[in-house]
Each structure stands twice: as C-alpha cells, then as structure tokens.
Amino acid sequence: MTKKELIKAMDEGKTVHWHNKGYICYRTKCGEYLKTFRPNSHTIGIFHKDGIGMNITLKDCFIAEKPEFIAELI
C-alpha cells in the first residue's frame, strides 16, 4: 500500500489495519490520521508533524475484507 492509497482508504472510511486486526488506522472527524491498538486503546498519530515521516510501515497496512464499525474510536 502506498501513502496515497492509505490516505484515500481512511478518507473513504474503509477499515484499515496495521500489522494485525488489533491495530486500526483511521481519520477522525477533525481530520487527524491516527492508529489505535484496540485492546488497550493506545493511540498515536500516523504521520509526523513534518508530513514526511510516519509511525507505521506502509507495507504492513491492509484493508479489512469486511467493514468494521469504528465509531467508538472517532
């Protein structure tokens, strides 16, 4: 997955995971791109403030086969 594909998927509200289904990547209503580990709710931003660096690896991102309800995170 590319950075552009990741952003597009999150903007479209698709369920995007990082590494495994415990991690979910999403865009908030305020426009922030975040990654949350669901078992303990640990959340960090996906992108660094410089807009270049990332706190995730793109090759480990994937879109879920079935959409999941993530409103509790947003």
PDB file of N, CA and C in Angstrom:
ATOM      1  N   MET A   1       0.859  -1.175   0.000  1.00  0.00           N
ATOM      2  CA  MET A   1       0.000   0.000   0.000  1.00  0.00           C
ATOM      3  C   MET A   1       0.901   1.232   0.000  1.00  0.00           C
ATOM      4  N   THR A   2       0.517   2.226  -0.766  1.00  0.00           N
ATOM      5  CA  THR A   2       1.258   3.480  -0.799  1.00  0.00           C
ATOM      6  C   THR A   2       0.642   4.460   0.196  1.00  0.00           C
ATOM      7  N   LYS A   3       1.359   5.547   0.459  1.00  0.00           N
ATOM      8  CA  LYS A   3       0.847   6.571   1.363  1.00  0.00           C
ATOM      9  C   LYS A   3      -0.453   7.154   0.807  1.00  0.00           C
ATOM     10  N   LYS A   4      -0.490   7.383  -0.489  1.00  0.00           N
ATOM     11  CA  LYS A   4      -1.677   7.931  -1.140  1.00  0.00           C
ATOM     12  C   LYS A   4      -2.868   6.972  -1.007  1.00  0.00           C
ATOM     13  N   GLU A   5      -2.629   5.667  -1.196  1.00  0.00           N
ATOM     14  CA  GLU A   5      -3.690   4.660  -1.068  1.00  0.00           C
ATOM     15  C   GLU A   5      -4.199   4.585   0.366  1.00  0.00           C
ATOM     16  N   LEU A   6      -3.268   4.692   1.327  1.00  0.00           N
ATOM     17  CA  LEU A   6      -3.642   4.653   2.742  1.00  0.00           C
ATOM     18  C   LEU A   6      -4.552   5.831   3.085  1.00  0.00           C
ATOM     19  N   ILE A   7      -4.146   7.020   2.677  1.00  0.00           N
ATOM     20  CA  ILE A   7      -4.936   8.213   2.960  1.00  0.00           C
ATOM     21  C   ILE A   7      -6.309   8.112   2.298  1.00  0.00           C
ATOM     22  N   LYS A   8      -6.344   7.677   1.062  1.00  0.00           N
ATOM     23  CA  LYS A   8      -7.615   7.532   0.334  1.00  0.00           C
ATOM     24  C   LYS A   8      -8.551   6.557   1.056  1.00  0.00           C
ATOM     25  N   ALA A   9      -8.016   5.416   1.479  1.00  0.00           N
ATOM     26  CA  ALA A   9      -8.828   4.412   2.169  1.00  0.00           C
ATOM     27  C   ALA A   9      -9.388   4.967   3.481  1.00  0.00           C
ATOM     28  N   MET A  10      -8.556   5.672   4.244  1.00  0.00           N
ATOM     29  CA  MET A  10      -9.033   6.243   5.508  1.00  0.00           C
ATOM     30  C   MET A  10     -10.046   7.351   5.257  1.00  0.00           C
ATOM     31  N   ASP A  11      -9.810   8.185   4.236  1.00  0.00           N
ATOM     32  CA  ASP A  11     -10.759   9.254   3.896  1.00  0.00           C
ATOM     33  C   ASP A  11     -12.116   8.690   3.482  1.00  0.00           C
ATOM     34  N   GLU A  12     -12.102   7.526   2.856  1.00  0.00           N
ATOM     35  CA  GLU A  12     -13.340   6.882   2.415  1.00  0.00           C
ATOM     36  C   GLU A  12     -14.011   6.089   3.532  1.00  0.00           C
ATOM     37  N   GLY A  13     -13.394   6.051   4.712  1.00  0.00           N
ATOM     38  CA  GLY A  13     -13.977   5.346   5.847  1.00  0.00           C
ATOM     39  C   GLY A  13     -13.792   3.847   5.823  1.00  0.00           C
ATOM     40  N   LYS A  14     -12.863   3.355   4.992  1.00  0.00           N
ATOM     41  CA  LYS A  14     -12.602   1.914   4.953  1.00  0.00           C
ATOM     42  C   LYS A  14     -11.865   1.501   6.224  1.00  0.00           C
ATOM     43  N   THR A  15     -12.027   0.257   6.599  1.00  0.00           N
ATOM     44  CA  THR A  15     -11.341  -0.271   7.768  1.00  0.00           C
ATOM     45  C   THR A  15      -9.934  -0.685   7.362  1.00  0.00           C
ATOM     46  N   VAL A  16      -8.956   0.050   7.887  1.00  0.00           N
ATOM     47  CA  VAL A  16      -7.555  -0.213   7.563  1.00  0.00           C
ATOM     48  C   VAL A  16      -6.850  -0.706   8.821  1.00  0.00           C
ATOM     49  N   HIS A  17      -6.126  -1.807   8.687  1.00  0.00           N
ATOM     50  CA  HIS A  17      -5.361  -2.362   9.807  1.00  0.00           C
ATOM     51  C   HIS A  17      -3.875  -2.214   9.533  1.00  0.00           C
ATOM     52  N   TRP A  18      -3.101  -2.240  10.619  1.00  0.00           N
ATOM     53  CA  TRP A  18      -1.641  -2.206  10.530  1.00  0.00           C
ATOM     54  C   TRP A  18      -1.121  -3.419  11.294  1.00  0.00           C
ATOM     55  N   HIS A  19      -0.347  -4.237  10.684  1.00  0.00           N
ATOM     56  CA  HIS A  19       0.235  -5.475  11.231  1.00  0.00           C
ATOM     57  C   HIS A  19      -0.791  -6.577  11.468  1.00  0.00           C
ATOM     58  N   ASN A  20      -1.834  -6.285  12.240  1.00  0.00           N
ATOM     59  CA  ASN A  20      -2.864  -7.281  12.521  1.00  0.00           C
ATOM     60  C   ASN A  20      -4.166  -6.560  12.836  1.00  0.00           C
ATOM     61  N   LYS A  21      -5.214  -7.302  13.076  1.00  0.00           N
ATOM     62  CA  LYS A  21      -6.530  -6.689  13.283  1.00  0.00           C
ATOM     63  C   LYS A  21      -6.663  -5.958  14.617  1.00  0.00           C
ATOM     64  N   GLY A  22      -5.662  -6.067  15.473  1.00  0.00           N
ATOM     65  CA  GLY A  22      -5.671  -5.322  16.733  1.00  0.00           C
ATOM     66  C   GLY A  22      -5.406  -3.844  16.527  1.00  0.00           C
ATOM     67  N   TYR A  23      -4.697  -3.514  15.447  1.00  0.00           N
ATOM     68  CA  TYR A  23      -4.378  -2.120  15.130  1.00  0.00           C
ATOM     69  C   TYR A  23      -5.323  -1.619  14.058  1.00  0.00           C
ATOM     70  N   ILE A  24      -5.872  -0.435  14.255  1.00  0.00           N
ATOM     71  CA  ILE A  24      -6.760   0.143  13.261  1.00  0.00           C
ATOM     72  C   ILE A  24      -6.300   1.575  12.948  1.00  0.00           C
ATOM     73  N   CYS A  25      -6.265   1.898  11.678  1.00  0.00           N
ATOM     74  CA  CYS A  25      -5.866   3.227  11.203  1.00  0.00           C
ATOM     75  C   CYS A  25      -7.111   3.932  10.686  1.00  0.00           C
ATOM     76  N   TYR A  26      -7.276   5.199  11.038  1.00  0.00           N
ATOM     77  CA  TYR A  26      -8.498   5.909  10.667  1.00  0.00           C
ATOM     78  C   TYR A  26      -8.283   7.412  10.674  1.00  0.00           C
ATOM     79  N   ARG A  27      -9.242   8.111  10.096  1.00  0.00           N
ATOM     80  CA  ARG A  27      -9.257   9.575  10.102  1.00  0.00           C
ATOM     81  C   ARG A  27     -10.381  10.027  11.014  1.00  0.00           C
ATOM     82  N   THR A  28     -10.075  10.956  11.894  1.00  0.00           N
ATOM     83  CA  THR A  28     -11.100  11.472  12.808  1.00  0.00           C
ATOM     84  C   THR A  28     -11.946  12.537  12.110  1.00  0.00           C
ATOM     85  N   LYS A  29     -13.016  12.929  12.753  1.00  0.00           N
ATOM     86  CA  LYS A  29     -13.867  13.987  12.221  1.00  0.00           C
ATOM     87  C   LYS A  29     -13.109  15.311  12.128  1.00  0.00           C
ATOM     88  N   CYS A  30     -12.075  15.461  12.942  1.00  0.00           N
ATOM     89  CA  CYS A  30     -11.252  16.683  12.927  1.00  0.00           C
ATOM     90  C   CYS A  30     -10.157  16.622  11.856  1.00  0.00           C
ATOM     91  N   GLY A  31     -10.061  15.492  11.150  1.00  0.00           N
ATOM     92  CA  GLY A  31      -9.081  15.363  10.077  1.00  0.00           C
ATOM     93  C   GLY A  31      -7.738  14.785  10.485  1.00  0.00           C
ATOM     94  N   GLU A  32      -7.630  14.286  11.708  1.00  0.00           N
ATOM     95  CA  GLU A  32      -6.386  13.670  12.164  1.00  0.00           C
ATOM     96  C   GLU A  32      -6.330  12.212  11.685  1.00  0.00           C
ATOM     97  N   TYR A  33      -5.152  11.767  11.317  1.00  0.00           N
ATOM     98  CA  TYR A  33      -4.948  10.366  10.939  1.00  0.00           C
ATOM     99  C   TYR A  33      -4.271   9.671  12.117  1.00  0.00           C
ATOM    100  N   LEU A  34      -4.967   8.694  12.688  1.00  0.00           N
ATOM    101  CA  LEU A  34      -4.489   8.036  13.898  1.00  0.00           C
ATOM    102  C   LEU A  34      -4.422   6.529  13.734  1.00  0.00           C
ATOM    103  N   LYS A  35      -3.628   5.919  14.624  1.00  0.00           N
ATOM    104  CA  LYS A  35      -3.549   4.458  14.718  1.00  0.00           C
ATOM    105  C   LYS A  35      -3.824   4.105  16.169  1.00  0.00           C
ATOM    106  N   THR A  36      -4.771   3.192  16.384  1.00  0.00           N
ATOM    107  CA  THR A  36      -5.130   2.771  17.738  1.00  0.00           C
ATOM    108  C   THR A  36      -4.973   1.260  17.868  1.00  0.00           C
ATOM    109  N   PHE A  37      -4.380   0.847  18.994  1.00  0.00           N
ATOM    110  CA  PHE A  37      -4.312  -0.567  19.338  1.00  0.00           C
ATOM    111  C   PHE A  37      -5.536  -0.838  20.196  1.00  0.00           C
ATOM    112  N   ARG A  38      -6.499  -1.558  19.647  1.00  0.00           N
ATOM    113  CA  ARG A  38      -7.804  -1.699  20.293  1.00  0.00           C
ATOM    114  C   ARG A  38      -7.780  -2.343  21.678  1.00  0.00           C
ATOM    115  N   PRO A  39      -6.959  -3.359  21.945  1.00  0.00           N
ATOM    116  CA  PRO A  39      -7.029  -3.972  23.277  1.00  0.00           C
ATOM    117  C   PRO A  39      -6.763  -3.010  24.442  1.00  0.00           C
ATOM    118  N   ASN A  40      -5.895  -2.001  24.256  1.00  0.00           N
ATOM    119  CA  ASN A  40      -5.628  -1.081  25.365  1.00  0.00           C
ATOM    120  C   ASN A  40      -5.867   0.392  24.992  1.00  0.00           C
ATOM    121  N   SER A  41      -6.379   0.647  23.798  1.00  0.00           N
ATOM    122  CA  SER A  41      -6.726   1.993  23.308  1.00  0.00           C
ATOM    123  C   SER A  41      -5.530   2.932  23.145  1.00  0.00           C
ATOM    124  N   HIS A  42      -4.313   2.390  23.089  1.00  0.00           N
ATOM    125  CA  HIS A  42      -3.135   3.241  22.868  1.00  0.00           C
ATOM    126  C   HIS A  42      -3.231   3.827  21.463  1.00  0.00           C
ATOM    127  N   THR A  43      -3.151   5.143  21.366  1.00  0.00           N
ATOM    128  CA  THR A  43      -3.341   5.840  20.101  1.00  0.00           C
ATOM    129  C   THR A  43      -2.194   6.797  19.830  1.00  0.00           C
ATOM    130  N   ILE A  44      -1.716   6.812  18.583  1.00  0.00           N
ATOM    131  CA  ILE A  44      -0.710   7.778  18.153  1.00  0.00           C
ATOM    132  C   ILE A  44      -1.069   8.256  16.746  1.00  0.00           C
ATOM    133  N   GLY A  45      -0.496   9.374  16.372  1.00  0.00           N
ATOM    134  CA  GLY A  45      -0.676   9.876  15.022  1.00  0.00           C
ATOM    135  C   GLY A  45       0.076   9.002  14.030  1.00  0.00           C
ATOM    136  N   ILE A  46      -0.463   8.872  12.837  1.00  0.00           N
ATOM    137  CA  ILE A  46       0.198   8.078  11.803  1.00  0.00           C
ATOM    138  C   ILE A  46       1.359   8.848  11.184  1.00  0.00           C
ATOM    139  N   PHE A  47       1.161  10.149  10.966  1.00  0.00           N
ATOM    140  CA  PHE A  47       2.159  10.963  10.281  1.00  0.00           C
ATOM    141  C   PHE A  47       2.884  11.877  11.252  1.00  0.00           C
ATOM    142  N   HIS A  48       4.170  12.103  11.003  1.00  0.00           N
ATOM    143  CA  HIS A  48       4.945  13.051  11.797  1.00  0.00           C
ATOM    144  C   HIS A  48       4.500  14.466  11.441  1.00  0.00           C
ATOM    145  N   LYS A  49       4.819  15.419  12.286  1.00  0.00           N
ATOM    146  CA  LYS A  49       4.436  16.812  12.056  1.00  0.00           C
ATOM    147  C   LYS A  49       5.037  17.372  10.772  1.00  0.00           C
ATOM    148  N   ASP A  50       6.180  16.820  10.342  1.00  0.00           N
ATOM    149  CA  ASP A  50       6.814  17.316   9.118  1.00  0.00           C
ATOM    150  C   ASP A  50       6.076  16.865   7.857  1.00  0.00           C
ATOM    151  N   GLY A  51       5.097  15.958   8.016  1.00  0.00           N
ATOM    152  CA  GLY A  51       4.322  15.472   6.886  1.00  0.00           C
ATOM    153  C   GLY A  51       5.030  14.428   6.047  1.00  0.00           C
ATOM    154  N   ILE A  52       6.253  14.096   6.411  1.00  0.00           N
ATOM    155  CA  ILE A  52       7.034  13.127   5.649  1.00  0.00           C
ATOM    156  C   ILE A  52       7.155  11.802   6.403  1.00  0.00           C
ATOM    157  N   GLY A  53       7.615  11.875   7.635  1.00  0.00           N
ATOM    158  CA  GLY A  53       7.813  10.674   8.434  1.00  0.00           C
ATOM    159  C   GLY A  53       6.495  10.042   8.854  1.00  0.00           C
ATOM    160  N   MET A  54       6.577   8.740   9.162  1.00  0.00           N
ATOM    161  CA  MET A  54       5.382   8.001   9.564  1.00  0.00           C
ATOM    162  C   MET A  54       5.696   7.108  10.760  1.00  0.00           C
ATOM    163  N   ASN A  55       4.678   6.865  11.581  1.00  0.00           N
ATOM    164  CA  ASN A  55       4.810   5.980  12.735  1.00  0.00           C
ATOM    165  C   ASN A  55       4.357   4.561  12.427  1.00  0.00           C
ATOM    166  N   ILE A  56       4.103   4.273  11.168  1.00  0.00           N
ATOM    167  CA  ILE A  56       3.739   2.924  10.733  1.00  0.00           C
ATOM    168  C   ILE A  56       4.513   2.603   9.463  1.00  0.00           C
ATOM    169  N   THR A  57       4.550   1.338   9.113  1.00  0.00           N
ATOM    170  CA  THR A  57       5.159   0.923   7.853  1.00  0.00           C
ATOM    171  C   THR A  57       4.038   0.604   6.872  1.00  0.00           C
ATOM    172  N   LEU A  58       4.103   1.220   5.720  1.00  0.00           N
ATOM    173  CA  LEU A  58       3.044   1.057   4.720  1.00  0.00           C
ATOM    174  C   LEU A  58       2.887  -0.379   4.253  1.00  0.00           C
ATOM    175  N   LYS A  59       3.996  -1.107   4.165  1.00  0.00           N
ATOM    176  CA  LYS A  59       3.918  -2.485   3.658  1.00  0.00           C
ATOM    177  C   LYS A  59       3.120  -3.391   4.595  1.00  0.00           C
ATOM    178  N   ASP A  60       2.926  -2.956   5.844  1.00  0.00           N
ATOM    179  CA  ASP A  60       2.194  -3.763   6.818  1.00  0.00           C
ATOM    180  C   ASP A  60       0.736  -3.338   6.967  1.00  0.00           C
ATOM    181  N   CYS A  61       0.266  -2.407   6.124  1.00  0.00           N
ATOM    182  CA  CYS A  61      -1.130  -1.958   6.170  1.00  0.00           C
ATOM    183  C   CYS A  61      -1.980  -2.776   5.208  1.00  0.00           C
ATOM    184  N   PHE A  62      -3.215  -3.031   5.616  1.00  0.00           N
ATOM    185  CA  PHE A  62      -4.148  -3.735   4.732  1.00  0.00           C
ATOM    186  C   PHE A  62      -5.576  -3.325   5.045  1.00  0.00           C
ATOM    187  N   ILE A  63      -6.412  -3.400   4.026  1.00  0.00           N
ATOM    188  CA  ILE A  63      -7.827  -3.068   4.174  1.00  0.00           C
ATOM    189  C   ILE A  63      -8.578  -4.339   4.549  1.00  0.00           C
ATOM    190  N   ALA A  64      -9.441  -4.229   5.547  1.00  0.00           N
ATOM    191  CA  ALA A  64     -10.219  -5.379   6.011  1.00  0.00           C
ATOM    192  C   ALA A  64     -11.155  -5.862   4.915  1.00  0.00           C
ATOM    193  N   GLU A  65     -11.361  -7.168   4.863  1.00  0.00           N
ATOM    194  CA  GLU A  65     -12.270  -7.748   3.874  1.00  0.00           C
ATOM    195  C   GLU A  65     -13.704  -7.308   4.125  1.00  0.00           C
ATOM    196  N   LYS A  66     -14.084  -7.202   5.400  1.00  0.00           N
ATOM    197  CA  LYS A  66     -15.423  -6.765   5.779  1.00  0.00           C
ATOM    198  C   LYS A  66     -15.276  -5.453   6.546  1.00  0.00           C
ATOM    199  N   PRO A  67     -16.115  -4.472   6.242  1.00  0.00           N
ATOM    200  CA  PRO A  67     -16.060  -3.215   7.002  1.00  0.00           C
ATOM    201  C   PRO A  67     -16.356  -3.468   8.480  1.00  0.00           C
ATOM    202  N   GLU A  68     -15.697  -2.718   9.342  1.00  0.00           N
ATOM    203  CA  GLU A  68     -15.923  -2.834  10.775  1.00  0.00           C
ATOM    204  C   GLU A  68     -16.410  -1.492  11.306  1.00  0.00           C
ATOM    205  N   PHE A  69     -17.223  -1.523  12.326  1.00  0.00           N
ATOM    206  CA  PHE A  69     -17.737  -0.309  12.935  1.00  0.00           C
ATOM    207  C   PHE A  69     -16.678   0.251  13.869  1.00  0.00           C
ATOM    208  N   ILE A  70     -16.173   1.445  13.564  1.00  0.00           N
ATOM    209  CA  ILE A  70     -15.113   2.027  14.392  1.00  0.00           C
ATOM    210  C   ILE A  70     -15.513   3.365  15.008  1.00  0.00           C
ATOM    211  N   ALA A  71     -16.775   3.675  15.054  1.00  0.00           N
ATOM    212  CA  ALA A  71     -17.234   4.973  15.559  1.00  0.00           C
ATOM    213  C   ALA A  71     -16.735   5.245  16.974  1.00  0.00           C
ATOM    214  N   GLU A  72     -16.531   4.223  17.776  1.00  0.00           N
ATOM    215  CA  GLU A  72     -16.074   4.431  19.139  1.00  0.00           C
ATOM    216  C   GLU A  72     -14.673   5.037  19.176  1.00  0.00           C
ATOM    217  N   LEU A  73     -13.912   4.919  18.085  1.00  0.00           N
ATOM    218  CA  LEU A  73     -12.567   5.481  18.034  1.00  0.00           C
ATOM    219  C   LEU A  73     -12.575   6.911  17.522  1.00  0.00           C
ATOM    220  N   ILE A  74     -13.554   7.250  16.741  1.00  0.00           N
ATOM    221  CA  ILE A  74     -13.577   8.558  16.092  1.00  0.00           C
ATOM    222  C   ILE A  74     -14.246   9.525  17.020  1.00  0.00           C
TER     223      ILE A  74
END
